[in-house]
Amino acid sequence: NSSLVEHKLSVWAFGKNGHFCGPHGKEVREPKGPLVTYDWYSGDRIDVDQSRESTEFLATTSDAYTVQLFPLNPLYGTKKEKPFAIDPQGPAQLLISEDYRDVVLELRHENKIAYLLVTEDEHDAGGACAIVACDRGTVHLWDLEGSDQGEVYADLRSLKYWEIALPVVL
């Protein structure tokens, strides 16, 4: 597919006060580099979930009409609150290996995708959601987590001229 572009996604760890952290969570003045860098082939839209203590997934366009979600946390989707016998020593232990990336969700659109944003919506989506704007004036809000993952929970669109004029005539 000629529309796919090679991207590099580098993941850095920051402490609560905004300083860099090493792979074990200790603050460092000058990091040696990112915790991990993923090579990525995707379309020109890319965003990551930043809604919790750790980044859970990456959302990217695979073509002009499809958004794909890839897990970045090896525990993505687990239902357990604390699945560890021993807590991780740092943020690097919550990143998935480059070799184990699989698509966990695809969001297909009828119109070409113009903009992609992953954000948090605790009220309606109950967690992470994707706001996808398309080129024909439509905006879709997708639920990205929970039992209704992958469902559109809101649609917005531009009104056509006759839809604006009709109420005035009636």
Protein backbone atom coordinates (compact mmCIF):
# COMPACT_ATOMS: atom_id res chain seq x y z
CA ASN A 1 0.00 0.00 0.00
CA SER A 2 1.65 3.23 -1.16
CA SER A 3 -0.19 5.36 1.43
CA LEU A 4 1.65 3.73 4.34
CA VAL A 5 4.54 5.69 5.81
CA GLU A 6 7.32 4.48 8.12
CA HIS A 7 7.06 6.11 11.55
CA LYS A 8 9.06 5.70 14.72
CA LEU A 9 7.27 5.87 18.05
CA SER A 10 9.62 6.46 20.99
CA VAL A 11 8.34 6.01 24.54
CA TRP A 12 9.94 8.02 27.37
CA ALA A 13 9.10 7.79 31.07
CA PHE A 14 8.38 10.86 33.17
CA GLY A 15 7.89 11.06 36.93
CA LYS A 16 4.99 12.84 38.58
CA ASN A 17 7.04 16.03 38.81
CA GLY A 18 7.84 16.01 35.08
CA HIS A 19 11.45 14.75 35.23
CA PHE A 20 12.76 11.92 33.06
CA CYS A 21 12.83 8.44 34.57
CA GLY A 22 14.95 5.46 33.69
CA PRO A 23 13.53 1.99 32.95
CA HIS A 24 13.13 1.22 36.67
CA GLY A 25 11.25 4.41 37.49
CA LYS A 26 14.08 6.34 39.15
CA GLU A 27 14.54 9.96 38.07
CA VAL A 28 17.55 10.70 35.89
CA ARG A 29 18.99 14.03 34.73
CA GLU A 30 19.84 12.91 31.22
CA PRO A 31 18.23 9.71 29.94
CA LYS A 32 20.32 7.43 27.73
CA GLY A 33 17.45 7.24 25.29
CA PRO A 34 13.80 6.24 25.11
CA LEU A 35 12.55 3.15 26.95
CA VAL A 36 11.61 1.62 23.62
CA THR A 37 11.26 2.72 20.00
CA TYR A 38 8.73 0.99 17.78
CA ASP A 39 9.02 0.99 13.99
CA TRP A 40 5.58 1.63 12.60
CA TYR A 41 4.08 1.52 9.14
CA SER A 42 0.84 3.41 9.05
CA GLY A 43 -1.07 6.20 7.46
CA ASP A 44 -0.46 9.79 8.41
CA ARG A 45 -2.59 9.86 11.60
CA ILE A 46 -1.25 8.51 14.89
CA ASP A 47 -2.08 9.06 18.58
CA VAL A 48 -1.56 7.22 21.86
CA ASP A 49 -3.77 6.68 24.89
CA GLN A 50 -2.52 8.68 27.87
CA SER A 51 -5.46 8.22 30.16
CA ARG A 52 -3.99 6.20 33.03
CA GLU A 53 -0.80 5.48 34.89
CA SER A 54 0.64 3.91 31.76
CA THR A 55 0.04 4.14 28.03
CA GLU A 56 -2.27 1.30 27.03
CA PHE A 57 -2.46 1.46 23.23
CA LEU A 58 -1.62 3.28 20.03
CA ALA A 59 -4.24 4.33 17.46
CA THR A 60 -3.20 4.87 13.86
CA THR A 61 -4.74 4.95 10.40
CA SER A 62 -4.00 1.85 8.34
CA ASP A 63 -5.55 3.42 5.27
CA ALA A 64 -7.66 6.52 4.54
CA TYR A 65 -10.81 4.91 6.03
CA THR A 66 -9.63 2.70 8.92
CA VAL A 67 -8.23 3.34 12.41
CA GLN A 68 -6.40 0.43 14.07
CA LEU A 69 -5.57 0.00 17.76
CA PHE A 70 -2.39 -1.78 18.84
CA PRO A 71 -1.63 -2.55 22.48
CA LEU A 72 1.51 -1.01 23.97
CA ASN A 73 0.95 -2.52 27.42
CA PRO A 74 1.18 -6.34 27.53
CA LEU A 75 -1.69 -6.37 30.04
CA TYR A 76 -4.04 -4.34 27.82
CA GLY A 77 -7.58 -5.62 28.18
CA THR A 78 -7.01 -7.61 31.36
CA LYS A 79 -9.95 -7.48 33.74
CA LYS A 80 -7.84 -7.90 36.87
CA GLU A 81 -7.11 -4.86 39.00
CA LYS A 82 -3.67 -6.12 40.13
CA PRO A 83 -2.49 -9.02 37.92
CA PHE A 84 1.08 -8.97 39.28
CA ALA A 85 2.46 -11.23 41.99
CA ILE A 86 5.25 -8.66 42.36
CA ASP A 87 4.71 -5.07 41.28
CA PRO A 88 6.80 -3.89 38.32
CA GLN A 89 9.98 -2.04 39.19
CA GLY A 90 9.44 0.64 36.59
CA PRO A 91 7.60 1.81 33.48
CA ALA A 92 9.71 -0.25 31.06
CA GLN A 93 8.13 -3.42 32.44
CA LEU A 94 4.73 -2.24 31.23
CA LEU A 95 5.69 -1.94 27.54
CA ILE A 96 4.97 -4.65 25.00
CA SER A 97 7.80 -6.16 22.98
CA GLU A 98 8.18 -5.03 19.38
CA ASP A 99 7.54 -8.65 18.29
CA TYR A 100 4.09 -8.97 19.91
CA ARG A 101 2.08 -6.16 18.40
CA ASP A 102 -1.29 -7.24 17.07
CA VAL A 103 -4.32 -5.24 15.99
CA VAL A 104 -6.90 -5.41 18.80
CA LEU A 105 -9.58 -3.22 17.22
CA GLU A 106 -10.41 -1.70 13.82
CA LEU A 107 -12.68 1.31 13.40
CA ARG A 108 -13.96 1.58 9.81
CA HIS A 109 -15.39 4.79 8.35
CA GLU A 110 -17.44 5.54 5.24
CA ASN A 111 -15.59 8.82 4.61
CA LYS A 112 -11.89 9.63 4.46
CA ILE A 113 -10.33 10.30 7.89
CA ALA A 114 -9.07 13.87 8.31
CA TYR A 115 -8.23 13.95 12.04
CA LEU A 116 -7.69 11.46 14.88
CA LEU A 117 -7.52 12.19 18.59
CA VAL A 118 -7.44 9.71 21.48
CA THR A 119 -8.68 11.18 24.76
CA GLU A 120 -10.41 10.29 28.01
CA ASP A 121 -14.20 10.50 28.43
CA GLU A 122 -15.18 9.15 31.85
CA HIS A 123 -18.81 10.27 31.54
CA ASP A 124 -19.95 8.71 28.25
CA ALA A 125 -17.26 6.24 27.17
CA GLY A 126 -16.17 5.29 30.67
CA GLY A 127 -12.51 5.57 29.68
CA ALA A 128 -10.55 6.11 26.51
CA CYS A 129 -12.32 7.23 23.36
CA ALA A 130 -11.34 8.24 19.83
CA ILE A 131 -12.58 11.38 18.15
CA VAL A 132 -12.39 10.85 14.39
CA ALA A 133 -13.22 13.71 12.02
CA CYS A 134 -13.88 12.81 8.40
CA ASP A 135 -13.62 14.91 5.26
CA ARG A 136 -17.36 15.18 4.56
CA GLY A 137 -18.16 17.06 7.76
CA THR A 138 -18.81 14.08 10.03
CA VAL A 139 -17.27 13.43 13.44
CA HIS A 140 -17.53 10.07 15.20
CA LEU A 141 -16.83 9.40 18.88
CA TRP A 142 -15.75 5.80 19.44
CA ASP A 143 -15.63 3.95 22.75
CA LEU A 144 -12.25 2.22 23.00
CA GLU A 145 -12.61 0.26 26.25
CA GLY A 146 -14.99 -1.95 28.18
CA SER A 147 -17.83 -4.17 27.03
CA ASP A 148 -18.92 -1.66 24.37
CA GLN A 149 -15.43 -1.25 22.89
CA GLY A 150 -15.56 -0.38 19.20
CA GLU A 151 -19.03 1.18 19.30
CA VAL A 152 -19.82 4.69 18.07
CA TYR A 153 -21.47 6.50 20.97
CA ALA A 154 -21.93 9.87 19.27
CA ASP A 155 -22.09 11.19 15.72
CA LEU A 156 -21.91 14.78 14.60
CA ARG A 157 -22.35 16.05 11.07
CA SER A 158 -22.70 19.27 9.16
CA LEU A 159 -26.24 20.12 8.09
CA LYS A 160 -27.07 20.28 4.41
CA TYR A 161 -28.43 23.56 3.04
CA TRP A 162 -32.01 22.25 2.72
CA GLU A 163 -31.94 21.02 6.36
CA ILE A 164 -31.20 24.57 7.49
CA ALA A 165 -33.78 26.20 5.17
CA LEU A 166 -36.65 23.72 5.66
CA PRO A 167 -37.59 24.72 9.24
CA VAL A 168 -37.74 28.39 8.17
CA VAL A 169 -40.12 27.55 5.30
CA LEU A 170 -42.38 25.41 7.46
